[in-house]
Amino acid sequence: VVALLAAALSASAFTAHVRRRLGGHTGDTIGACQQVTEIAA
């Protein structure tokens, strides 16, 4: 449960930050999201 929550929360926080800075996704941010969530989990 802790691992899944950490992954979900990190994805949400990262996506919110990308939305504020870039206004949308890129191929790079999609790959970065995989890395961020895997490390968090």
Full PDB file with SEQRES, HELIX, SHEET, SSBOND, CRYST1, ORIGX, SCALE, CONECT and MASTER records, all heavy atoms in Angstrom:
SEQRES   1 A   41  VAL VAL ALA LEU LEU ALA ALA ALA LEU SER ALA SER ALA          
SEQRES   2 A   41  PHE THR ALA HIS VAL ARG ARG ARG LEU GLY GLY HIS THR          
SEQRES   3 A   41  GLY ASP THR ILE GLY ALA CYS GLN GLN VAL THR GLU ILE          
SEQRES   4 A   41  ALA ALA                                                      
HELIX    1 AA1 VAL A    2  LEU A   22  1                                  21    
HELIX    2 AA2 GLY A   27  ALA A   40  1                                  14    
CRYST1    1.000    1.000    1.000  90.00  90.00  90.00 P 1           1          
ORIGX1      1.000000  0.000000  0.000000        0.00000                         
ORIGX2      0.000000  1.000000  0.000000        0.00000                         
ORIGX3      0.000000  0.000000  1.000000        0.00000                         
SCALE1      1.000000  0.000000  0.000000        0.00000                         
SCALE2      0.000000  1.000000  0.000000        0.00000                         
SCALE3      0.000000  0.000000  1.000000        0.00000                         
ATOM      1  N   VAL A   1       0.841  -1.208   0.000  1.00  0.00           N  
ATOM      2  CA  VAL A   1       0.000   0.000   0.000  1.00  0.00           C  
ATOM      3  C   VAL A   1       0.870   1.250   0.000  1.00  0.00           C  
ATOM      4  O   VAL A   1       0.607   2.211  -0.744  1.00  0.00           O  
ATOM      5  CB  VAL A   1      -0.948  -0.012   1.213  1.00  0.00           C  
ATOM      6  CG1 VAL A   1      -1.674   1.323   1.338  1.00  0.00           C  
ATOM      7  CG2 VAL A   1      -1.944  -1.150   1.100  1.00  0.00           C  
ATOM      8  N   VAL A   2       1.912   1.260   0.827  1.00  0.00           N  
ATOM      9  CA  VAL A   2       2.800   2.423   0.901  1.00  0.00           C  
ATOM     10  C   VAL A   2       3.480   2.676  -0.441  1.00  0.00           C  
ATOM     11  O   VAL A   2       3.574   3.826  -0.900  1.00  0.00           O  
ATOM     12  CB  VAL A   2       3.853   2.217   2.011  1.00  0.00           C  
ATOM     13  CG1 VAL A   2       4.951   3.272   1.919  1.00  0.00           C  
ATOM     14  CG2 VAL A   2       3.202   2.271   3.382  1.00  0.00           C  
ATOM     15  N   ALA A   3       3.935   1.618  -1.102  1.00  0.00           N  
ATOM     16  CA  ALA A   3       4.609   1.775  -2.397  1.00  0.00           C  
ATOM     17  C   ALA A   3       3.665   2.316  -3.460  1.00  0.00           C  
ATOM     18  O   ALA A   3       4.032   3.221  -4.235  1.00  0.00           O  
ATOM     19  CB  ALA A   3       5.187   0.432  -2.846  1.00  0.00           C  
ATOM     20  N   LEU A   4       2.454   1.795  -3.507  1.00  0.00           N  
ATOM     21  CA  LEU A   4       1.489   2.260  -4.507  1.00  0.00           C  
ATOM     22  C   LEU A   4       1.078   3.709  -4.253  1.00  0.00           C  
ATOM     23  O   LEU A   4       0.929   4.494  -5.196  1.00  0.00           O  
ATOM     24  CB  LEU A   4       0.265   1.346  -4.510  1.00  0.00           C  
ATOM     25  CG  LEU A   4       0.504  -0.085  -5.018  1.00  0.00           C  
ATOM     26  CD1 LEU A   4      -0.751  -0.926  -4.865  1.00  0.00           C  
ATOM     27  CD2 LEU A   4       0.975  -0.066  -6.473  1.00  0.00           C  
ATOM     28  N   LEU A   5       0.893   4.058  -2.981  1.00  0.00           N  
ATOM     29  CA  LEU A   5       0.565   5.441  -2.651  1.00  0.00           C  
ATOM     30  C   LEU A   5       1.707   6.381  -3.007  1.00  0.00           C  
ATOM     31  O   LEU A   5       1.477   7.478  -3.539  1.00  0.00           O  
ATOM     32  CB  LEU A   5       0.238   5.562  -1.164  1.00  0.00           C  
ATOM     33  CG  LEU A   5      -1.159   5.110  -0.723  1.00  0.00           C  
ATOM     34  CD1 LEU A   5      -1.293   5.189   0.789  1.00  0.00           C  
ATOM     35  CD2 LEU A   5      -2.236   5.949  -1.399  1.00  0.00           C  
ATOM     36  N   ALA A   6       2.932   5.977  -2.717  1.00  0.00           N  
ATOM     37  CA  ALA A   6       4.093   6.810  -3.046  1.00  0.00           C  
ATOM     38  C   ALA A   6       4.190   7.038  -4.544  1.00  0.00           C  
ATOM     39  O   ALA A   6       4.467   8.159  -5.005  1.00  0.00           O  
ATOM     40  CB  ALA A   6       5.365   6.160  -2.517  1.00  0.00           C  
ATOM     41  N   ALA A   7       3.955   5.984  -5.327  1.00  0.00           N  
ATOM     42  CA  ALA A   7       4.010   6.116  -6.780  1.00  0.00           C  
ATOM     43  C   ALA A   7       2.915   7.050  -7.283  1.00  0.00           C  
ATOM     44  O   ALA A   7       3.168   7.938  -8.114  1.00  0.00           O  
ATOM     45  CB  ALA A   7       3.881   4.741  -7.426  1.00  0.00           C  
ATOM     46  N   ALA A   8       1.688   6.876  -6.775  1.00  0.00           N  
ATOM     47  CA  ALA A   8       0.567   7.703  -7.227  1.00  0.00           C  
ATOM     48  C   ALA A   8       0.752   9.162  -6.840  1.00  0.00           C  
ATOM     49  O   ALA A   8       0.508  10.070  -7.651  1.00  0.00           O  
ATOM     50  CB  ALA A   8      -0.742   7.161  -6.641  1.00  0.00           C  
ATOM     51  N   LEU A   9       1.199   9.408  -5.616  1.00  0.00           N  
ATOM     52  CA  LEU A   9       1.392  10.786  -5.160  1.00  0.00           C  
ATOM     53  C   LEU A   9       2.522  11.469  -5.924  1.00  0.00           C  
ATOM     54  O   LEU A   9       2.428  12.659  -6.253  1.00  0.00           O  
ATOM     55  CB  LEU A   9       1.676  10.802  -3.660  1.00  0.00           C  
ATOM     56  CG  LEU A   9       0.488  10.451  -2.759  1.00  0.00           C  
ATOM     57  CD1 LEU A   9       0.935  10.341  -1.305  1.00  0.00           C  
ATOM     58  CD2 LEU A   9      -0.624  11.481  -2.898  1.00  0.00           C  
ATOM     59  N   SER A  10       3.586  10.736  -6.202  1.00  0.00           N  
ATOM     60  CA  SER A  10       4.692  11.334  -6.951  1.00  0.00           C  
ATOM     61  C   SER A  10       4.270  11.649  -8.382  1.00  0.00           C  
ATOM     62  O   SER A  10       4.660  12.683  -8.940  1.00  0.00           O  
ATOM     63  CB  SER A  10       5.912  10.400  -6.948  1.00  0.00           C  
ATOM     64  OG  SER A  10       5.631   9.181  -7.617  1.00  0.00           O  
ATOM     65  N   ALA A  11       3.451  10.791  -8.982  1.00  0.00           N  
ATOM     66  CA  ALA A  11       2.935  11.068 -10.327  1.00  0.00           C  
ATOM     67  C   ALA A  11       2.063  12.301 -10.329  1.00  0.00           C  
ATOM     68  O   ALA A  11       2.146  13.150 -11.235  1.00  0.00           O  
ATOM     69  CB  ALA A  11       2.152   9.860 -10.847  1.00  0.00           C  
ATOM     70  N   SER A  12       1.221  12.427  -9.307  1.00  0.00           N  
ATOM     71  CA  SER A  12       0.328  13.588  -9.217  1.00  0.00           C  
ATOM     72  C   SER A  12       1.115  14.876  -9.019  1.00  0.00           C  
ATOM     73  O   SER A  12       0.850  15.894  -9.684  1.00  0.00           O  
ATOM     74  CB  SER A  12      -0.647  13.385  -8.056  1.00  0.00           C  
ATOM     75  OG  SER A  12      -1.497  14.492  -7.921  1.00  0.00           O  
ATOM     76  N   ALA A  13       2.106  14.841  -8.113  1.00  0.00           N  
ATOM     77  CA  ALA A  13       2.898  16.039  -7.847  1.00  0.00           C  
ATOM     78  C   ALA A  13       3.729  16.431  -9.067  1.00  0.00           C  
ATOM     79  O   ALA A  13       3.818  17.620  -9.424  1.00  0.00           O  
ATOM     80  CB  ALA A  13       3.806  15.796  -6.644  1.00  0.00           C  
ATOM     81  N   PHE A  14       4.322  15.450  -9.727  1.00  0.00           N  
ATOM     82  CA  PHE A  14       5.132  15.740 -10.912  1.00  0.00           C  
ATOM     83  C   PHE A  14       4.269  16.310 -12.031  1.00  0.00           C  
ATOM     84  O   PHE A  14       4.643  17.293 -12.689  1.00  0.00           O  
ATOM     85  CB  PHE A  14       5.831  14.463 -11.381  1.00  0.00           C  
ATOM     86  CG  PHE A  14       6.588  14.620 -12.673  1.00  0.00           C  
ATOM     87  CD1 PHE A  14       7.802  15.279 -12.700  1.00  0.00           C  
ATOM     88  CD2 PHE A  14       6.075  14.114 -13.854  1.00  0.00           C  
ATOM     89  CE1 PHE A  14       8.504  15.440 -13.889  1.00  0.00           C  
ATOM     90  CE2 PHE A  14       6.763  14.263 -15.050  1.00  0.00           C  
ATOM     91  CZ  PHE A  14       7.973  14.931 -15.065  1.00  0.00           C  
ATOM     92  N   THR A  15       3.097  15.729 -12.242  1.00  0.00           N  
ATOM     93  CA  THR A  15       2.209  16.196 -13.302  1.00  0.00           C  
ATOM     94  C   THR A  15       1.722  17.614 -13.026  1.00  0.00           C  
ATOM     95  O   THR A  15       1.643  18.445 -13.941  1.00  0.00           O  
ATOM     96  CB  THR A  15       1.013  15.239 -13.447  1.00  0.00           C  
ATOM     97  OG1 THR A  15       1.499  13.930 -13.777  1.00  0.00           O  
ATOM     98  CG2 THR A  15       0.062  15.704 -14.536  1.00  0.00           C  
ATOM     99  N   ALA A  16       1.419  17.909 -11.771  1.00  0.00           N  
ATOM    100  CA  ALA A  16       0.994  19.265 -11.416  1.00  0.00           C  
ATOM    101  C   ALA A  16       2.110  20.269 -11.676  1.00  0.00           C  
ATOM    102  O   ALA A  16       1.858  21.386 -12.160  1.00  0.00           O  
ATOM    103  CB  ALA A  16       0.577  19.304  -9.946  1.00  0.00           C  
ATOM    104  N   HIS A  17       3.351  19.888 -11.380  1.00  0.00           N  
ATOM    105  CA  HIS A  17       4.487  20.790 -11.608  1.00  0.00           C  
ATOM    106  C   HIS A  17       4.698  21.020 -13.107  1.00  0.00           C  
ATOM    107  O   HIS A  17       4.943  22.158 -13.544  1.00  0.00           O  
ATOM    108  CB  HIS A  17       5.741  20.205 -10.977  1.00  0.00           C  
ATOM    109  CG  HIS A  17       6.939  21.093 -11.069  1.00  0.00           C  
ATOM    110  ND1 HIS A  17       6.966  22.379 -10.557  1.00  0.00           N  
ATOM    111  CD2 HIS A  17       8.162  20.893 -11.649  1.00  0.00           C  
ATOM    112  CE1 HIS A  17       8.138  22.928 -10.795  1.00  0.00           C  
ATOM    113  NE2 HIS A  17       8.883  22.051 -11.460  1.00  0.00           N  
ATOM    114  N   VAL A  18       4.591  19.965 -13.890  1.00  0.00           N  
ATOM    115  CA  VAL A  18       4.738  20.096 -15.341  1.00  0.00           C  
ATOM    116  C   VAL A  18       3.621  20.962 -15.911  1.00  0.00           C  
ATOM    117  O   VAL A  18       3.848  21.778 -16.822  1.00  0.00           O  
ATOM    118  CB  VAL A  18       4.758  18.697 -16.003  1.00  0.00           C  
ATOM    119  CG1 VAL A  18       4.671  18.820 -17.524  1.00  0.00           C  
ATOM    120  CG2 VAL A  18       6.011  17.939 -15.610  1.00  0.00           C  
ATOM    121  N   ARG A  19       2.414  20.812 -15.391  1.00  0.00           N  
ATOM    122  CA  ARG A  19       1.294  21.635 -15.866  1.00  0.00           C  
ATOM    123  C   ARG A  19       1.573  23.122 -15.611  1.00  0.00           C  
ATOM    124  O   ARG A  19       1.332  23.966 -16.479  1.00  0.00           O  
ATOM    125  CB  ARG A  19       0.005  21.217 -15.165  1.00  0.00           C  
ATOM    126  CG  ARG A  19      -1.207  22.041 -15.613  1.00  0.00           C  
ATOM    127  CD  ARG A  19      -2.473  21.678 -14.863  1.00  0.00           C  
ATOM    128  NE  ARG A  19      -3.000  20.382 -15.296  1.00  0.00           N  
ATOM    129  CZ  ARG A  19      -2.982  19.280 -14.578  1.00  0.00           C  
ATOM    130  NH1 ARG A  19      -2.463  19.306 -13.348  1.00  0.00           N  
ATOM    131  NH2 ARG A  19      -3.477  18.162 -15.039  1.00  0.00           N  
ATOM    132  N   ARG A  20       2.099  23.431 -14.430  1.00  0.00           N  
ATOM    133  CA  ARG A  20       2.389  24.836 -14.107  1.00  0.00           C  
ATOM    134  C   ARG A  20       3.504  25.390 -14.982  1.00  0.00           C  
ATOM    135  O   ARG A  20       3.424  26.538 -15.434  1.00  0.00           O  
ATOM    136  CB  ARG A  20       2.792  24.953 -12.633  1.00  0.00           C  
ATOM    137  CG  ARG A  20       1.640  24.802 -11.653  1.00  0.00           C  
ATOM    138  CD  ARG A  20       2.049  25.257 -10.262  1.00  0.00           C  
ATOM    139  NE  ARG A  20       3.179  24.501  -9.744  1.00  0.00           N  
ATOM    140  CZ  ARG A  20       3.072  23.375  -9.047  1.00  0.00           C  
ATOM    141  NH1 ARG A  20       1.867  22.881  -8.778  1.00  0.00           N  
ATOM    142  NH2 ARG A  20       4.146  22.748  -8.606  1.00  0.00           N  
ATOM    143  N   ARG A  21       4.536  24.603 -15.217  1.00  0.00           N  
ATOM    144  CA  ARG A  21       5.707  25.115 -15.933  1.00  0.00           C  
ATOM    145  C   ARG A  21       5.562  25.063 -17.451  1.00  0.00           C  
ATOM    146  O   ARG A  21       5.999  25.977 -18.148  1.00  0.00           O  
ATOM    147  CB  ARG A  21       6.952  24.327 -15.518  1.00  0.00           C  
ATOM    148  CG  ARG A  21       7.434  24.599 -14.113  1.00  0.00           C  
ATOM    149  CD  ARG A  21       7.874  26.062 -13.934  1.00  0.00           C  
ATOM    150  NE  ARG A  21       8.758  26.507 -14.973  1.00  0.00           N  
ATOM    151  CZ  ARG A  21      10.080  26.267 -15.014  1.00  0.00           C  
ATOM    152  NH1 ARG A  21      10.644  25.582 -14.026  1.00  0.00           N  
ATOM    153  NH2 ARG A  21      10.832  26.707 -16.000  1.00  0.00           N  
ATOM    154  N   LEU A  22       4.984  23.980 -17.957  1.00  0.00           N  
ATOM    155  CA  LEU A  22       4.968  23.782 -19.408  1.00  0.00           C  
ATOM    156  C   LEU A  22       3.572  23.842 -20.023  1.00  0.00           C  
ATOM    157  O   LEU A  22       3.448  24.011 -21.232  1.00  0.00           O  
ATOM    158  CB  LEU A  22       5.594  22.425 -19.755  1.00  0.00           C  
ATOM    159  CG  LEU A  22       7.018  22.176 -19.250  1.00  0.00           C  
ATOM    160  CD1 LEU A  22       7.483  20.780 -19.652  1.00  0.00           C  
ATOM    161  CD2 LEU A  22       7.978  23.229 -19.779  1.00  0.00           C  
ATOM    162  N   GLY A  23       2.556  23.671 -19.215  1.00  0.00           N  
ATOM    163  CA  GLY A  23       1.197  23.693 -19.735  1.00  0.00           C  
ATOM    164  C   GLY A  23       0.779  22.428 -20.442  1.00  0.00           C  
ATOM    165  O   GLY A  23      -0.335  22.341 -20.969  1.00  0.00           O  
ATOM    166  N   GLY A  24       1.639  21.427 -20.478  1.00  0.00           N  
ATOM    167  CA  GLY A  24       1.306  20.179 -21.163  1.00  0.00           C  
ATOM    168  C   GLY A  24       2.462  19.197 -21.096  1.00  0.00           C  
ATOM    169  O   GLY A  24       3.536  19.516 -20.594  1.00  0.00           O  
ATOM    170  N   HIS A  25       2.231  18.015 -21.624  1.00  0.00           N  
ATOM    171  CA  HIS A  25       3.268  16.982 -21.590  1.00  0.00           C  
ATOM    172  C   HIS A  25       4.135  17.029 -22.840  1.00  0.00           C  
ATOM    173  O   HIS A  25       3.744  17.605 -23.862  1.00  0.00           O  
ATOM    174  CB  HIS A  25       2.634  15.590 -21.464  1.00  0.00           C  
ATOM    175  CG  HIS A  25       1.857  15.176 -22.691  1.00  0.00           C  
ATOM    176  ND1 HIS A  25       0.483  15.155 -22.738  1.00  0.00           N  
ATOM    177  CD2 HIS A  25       2.273  14.780 -23.933  1.00  0.00           C  
ATOM    178  CE1 HIS A  25       0.090  14.755 -23.927  1.00  0.00           C  
ATOM    179  NE2 HIS A  25       1.159  14.525 -24.681  1.00  0.00           N  
ATOM    180  N   THR A  26       5.284  16.415 -22.749  1.00  0.00           N  
ATOM    181  CA  THR A  26       6.148  16.145 -23.899  1.00  0.00           C  
ATOM    182  C   THR A  26       6.600  14.687 -23.780  1.00  0.00           C  
ATOM    183  O   THR A  26       6.368  14.039 -22.758  1.00  0.00           O  
ATOM    184  CB  THR A  26       7.390  17.052 -23.925  1.00  0.00           C  
ATOM    185  OG1 THR A  26       8.269  16.678 -22.842  1.00  0.00           O  
ATOM    186  CG2 THR A  26       7.016  18.526 -23.792  1.00  0.00           C  
ATOM    187  N   GLY A  27       7.260  14.195 -24.806  1.00  0.00           N  
ATOM    188  CA  GLY A  27       7.818  12.849 -24.714  1.00  0.00           C  
ATOM    189  C   GLY A  27       8.794  12.740 -23.556  1.00  0.00           C  
ATOM    190  O   GLY A  27       8.872  11.692 -22.885  1.00  0.00           O  
ATOM    191  N   ASP A  28       9.527  13.817 -23.285  1.00  0.00           N  
ATOM    192  CA  ASP A  28      10.484  13.803 -22.178  1.00  0.00           C  
ATOM    193  C   ASP A  28       9.782  13.716 -20.829  1.00  0.00           C  
ATOM    194  O   ASP A  28      10.212  12.965 -19.946  1.00  0.00           O  
ATOM    195  CB  ASP A  28      11.355  15.068 -22.223  1.00  0.00           C  
ATOM    196  CG  ASP A  28      12.359  15.047 -23.348  1.00  0.00           C  
ATOM    197  OD1 ASP A  28      12.837  13.961 -23.700  1.00  0.00           O  
ATOM    198  OD2 ASP A  28      12.670  16.131 -23.882  1.00  0.00           O  
ATOM    199  N   THR A  29       8.701  14.468 -20.643  1.00  0.00           N  
ATOM    200  CA  THR A  29       8.033  14.428 -19.339  1.00  0.00           C  
ATOM    201  C   THR A  29       7.335  13.087 -19.115  1.00  0.00           C  
ATOM    202  O   THR A  29       7.219  12.631 -17.974  1.00  0.00           O  
ATOM    203  CB  THR A  29       7.013  15.571 -19.177  1.00  0.00           C  
ATOM    204  OG1 THR A  29       5.893  15.371 -20.047  1.00  0.00           O  
ATOM    205  CG2 THR A  29       7.653  16.923 -19.454  1.00  0.00           C  
ATOM    206  N   ILE A  30       6.883  12.453 -20.188  1.00  0.00           N  
ATOM    207  CA  ILE A  30       6.282  11.124 -20.047  1.00  0.00           C  
ATOM    208  C   ILE A  30       7.325  10.136 -19.536  1.00  0.00           C  
ATOM    209  O   ILE A  30       7.074   9.355 -18.611  1.00  0.00           O  
ATOM    210  CB  ILE A  30       5.683  10.660 -21.388  1.00  0.00           C  
ATOM    211  CG1 ILE A  30       4.502  11.545 -21.783  1.00  0.00           C  
ATOM    212  CG2 ILE A  30       5.236   9.201 -21.302  1.00  0.00           C  
ATOM    213  CD1 ILE A  30       4.012  11.316 -23.204  1.00  0.00           C  
ATOM    214  N   GLY A  31       8.528  10.170 -20.141  1.00  0.00           N  
ATOM    215  CA  GLY A  31       9.602   9.301 -19.671  1.00  0.00           C  
ATOM    216  C   GLY A  31      10.042   9.644 -18.267  1.00  0.00           C  
ATOM    217  O   GLY A  31      10.319   8.759 -17.445  1.00  0.00           O  
ATOM    218  N   ALA A  32      10.092  10.940 -17.963  1.00  0.00           N  
ATOM    219  CA  ALA A  32      10.487  11.373 -16.622  1.00  0.00           C  
ATOM    220  C   ALA A  32       9.491  10.898 -15.575  1.00  0.00           C  
ATOM    221  O   ALA A  32       9.880  10.522 -14.460  1.00  0.00           O  
ATOM    222  CB  ALA A  32      10.620  12.892 -16.574  1.00  0.00           C  
ATOM    223  N   CYS A  33       8.202  10.896 -15.919  1.00  0.00           N  
ATOM    224  CA  CYS A  33       7.188  10.422 -14.983  1.00  0.00           C  
ATOM    225  C   CYS A  33       7.420   8.956 -14.642  1.00  0.00           C  
ATOM    226  O   CYS A  33       7.262   8.549 -13.480  1.00  0.00           O  
ATOM    227  CB  CYS A  33       5.797  10.616 -15.582  1.00  0.00           C  
ATOM    228  SG  CYS A  33       4.457  10.200 -14.442  1.00  0.00           S  
ATOM    229  N   GLN A  34       7.805   8.159 -15.619  1.00  0.00           N  
ATOM    230  CA  GLN A  34       8.107   6.751 -15.336  1.00  0.00           C  
ATOM    231  C   GLN A  34       9.236   6.638 -14.329  1.00  0.00           C  
ATOM    232  O   GLN A  34       9.162   5.838 -13.382  1.00  0.00           O  
ATOM    233  CB  GLN A  34       8.473   6.027 -16.638  1.00  0.00           C  
ATOM    234  CG  GLN A  34       8.654   4.530 -16.494  1.00  0.00           C  
ATOM    235  CD  GLN A  34      10.025   4.118 -15.976  1.00  0.00           C  
ATOM    236  OE1 GLN A  34      11.030   4.776 -16.268  1.00  0.00           O  
ATOM    237  NE2 GLN A  34      10.083   3.049 -15.213  1.00  0.00           N  
ATOM    238  N   GLN A  35      10.281   7.433 -14.523  1.00  0.00           N  
ATOM    239  CA  GLN A  35      11.422   7.381 -13.617  1.00  0.00           C  
ATOM    240  C   GLN A  35      11.057   7.841 -12.213  1.00  0.00           C  
ATOM    241  O   GLN A  35      11.401   7.188 -11.220  1.00  0.00           O  
ATOM    242  CB  GLN A  35      12.549   8.259 -14.170  1.00  0.00           C  
ATOM    243  CG  GLN A  35      13.210   7.715 -15.412  1.00  0.00           C  
ATOM    244  CD  GLN A  35      14.159   6.577 -15.096  1.00  0.00           C  
ATOM    245  OE1 GLN A  35      15.237   6.771 -14.558  1.00  0.00           O  
ATOM    246  NE2 GLN A  35      13.740   5.363 -15.413  1.00  0.00           N  
ATOM    247  N   VAL A  36      10.361   8.947 -12.115  1.00  0.00           N  
ATOM    248  CA  VAL A  36       9.989   9.499 -10.812  1.00  0.00           C  
ATOM    249  C   VAL A  36       9.136   8.513 -10.026  1.00  0.00           C  
ATOM    250  O   VAL A  36       9.367   8.272  -8.831  1.00  0.00           O  
ATOM    251  CB  VAL A  36       9.235  10.836 -10.998  1.00  0.00           C  
ATOM    252  CG1 VAL A  36       8.590  11.288  -9.695  1.00  0.00           C  
ATOM    253  CG2 VAL A  36      10.186  11.910 -11.517  1.00  0.00           C  
ATOM    254  N   THR A  37       8.153   7.918 -10.688  1.00  0.00           N  
ATOM    255  CA  THR A  37       7.251   7.011  -9.977  1.00  0.00           C  
ATOM    256  C   THR A  37       7.929   5.694  -9.625  1.00  0.00           C  
ATOM    257  O   THR A  37       7.658   5.120  -8.554  1.00  0.00           O  
ATOM    258  CB  THR A  37       5.988   6.749 -10.804  1.00  0.00           C  
ATOM    259  OG1 THR A  37       6.342   6.284 -12.115  1.00  0.00           O  
ATOM    260  CG2 THR A  37       5.175   8.021 -10.958  1.00  0.00           C  
ATOM    261  N   GLU A  38       8.788   5.200 -10.478  1.00  0.00           N  
ATOM    262  CA  GLU A  38       9.496   3.953 -10.165  1.00  0.00           C  
ATOM    263  C   GLU A  38      10.430   4.149  -8.973  1.00  0.00           C  
ATOM    264  O   GLU A  38      10.497   3.293  -8.074  1.00  0.00           O  
ATOM    265  CB  GLU A  38      10.290   3.460 -11.373  1.00  0.00           C  
ATOM    266  CG  GLU A  38      10.962   2.113 -11.143  1.00  0.00           C  
ATOM    267  CD  GLU A  38      11.580   1.558 -12.402  1.00  0.00           C  
ATOM    268  OE1 GLU A  38      12.575   2.137 -12.892  1.00  0.00           O  
ATOM    269  OE2 GLU A  38      11.068   0.539 -12.915  1.00  0.00           O  
ATOM    270  N   ILE A  39      11.140   5.258  -8.951  1.00  0.00           N  
ATOM    271  CA  ILE A  39      12.048   5.540  -7.829  1.00  0.00           C  
ATOM    272  C   ILE A  39      11.244   5.701  -6.542  1.00  0.00           C  
ATOM    273  O   ILE A  39      11.635   5.177  -5.485  1.00  0.00           O  
ATOM    274  CB  ILE A  39      12.882   6.799  -8.122  1.00  0.00           C  
ATOM    275  CG1 ILE A  39      13.865   6.530  -9.251  1.00  0.00           C  
ATOM    276  CG2 ILE A  39      13.624   7.261  -6.870  1.00  0.00           C  
ATOM    277  CD1 ILE A  39      14.537   7.774  -9.794  1.00  0.00           C  
ATOM    278  N   ALA A  40      10.121   6.405  -6.608  1.00  0.00           N  
ATOM    279  CA  ALA A  40       9.288   6.592  -5.420  1.00  0.00           C  
ATOM    280  C   ALA A  40       8.779   5.261  -4.893  1.00  0.00           C  
ATOM    281  O   ALA A  40       8.779   5.014  -3.673  1.00  0.00           O  
ATOM    282  CB  ALA A  40       8.118   7.520  -5.746  1.00  0.00           C  
ATOM    283  N   ALA A  41       8.333   4.390  -5.789  1.00  0.00           N  
ATOM    284  CA  ALA A  41       7.823   3.088  -5.368  1.00  0.00           C  
ATOM    285  C   ALA A  41       8.926   2.226  -4.759  1.00  0.00           C  
ATOM    286  O   ALA A  41       8.724   1.579  -3.720  1.00  0.00           O  
ATOM    287  CB  ALA A  41       7.186   2.372  -6.561  1.00  0.00           C  
TER     288      ALA A  41                                                      
MASTER        0    0    0    2    0    0    0    6  287    1    0    4          
END                                                                             
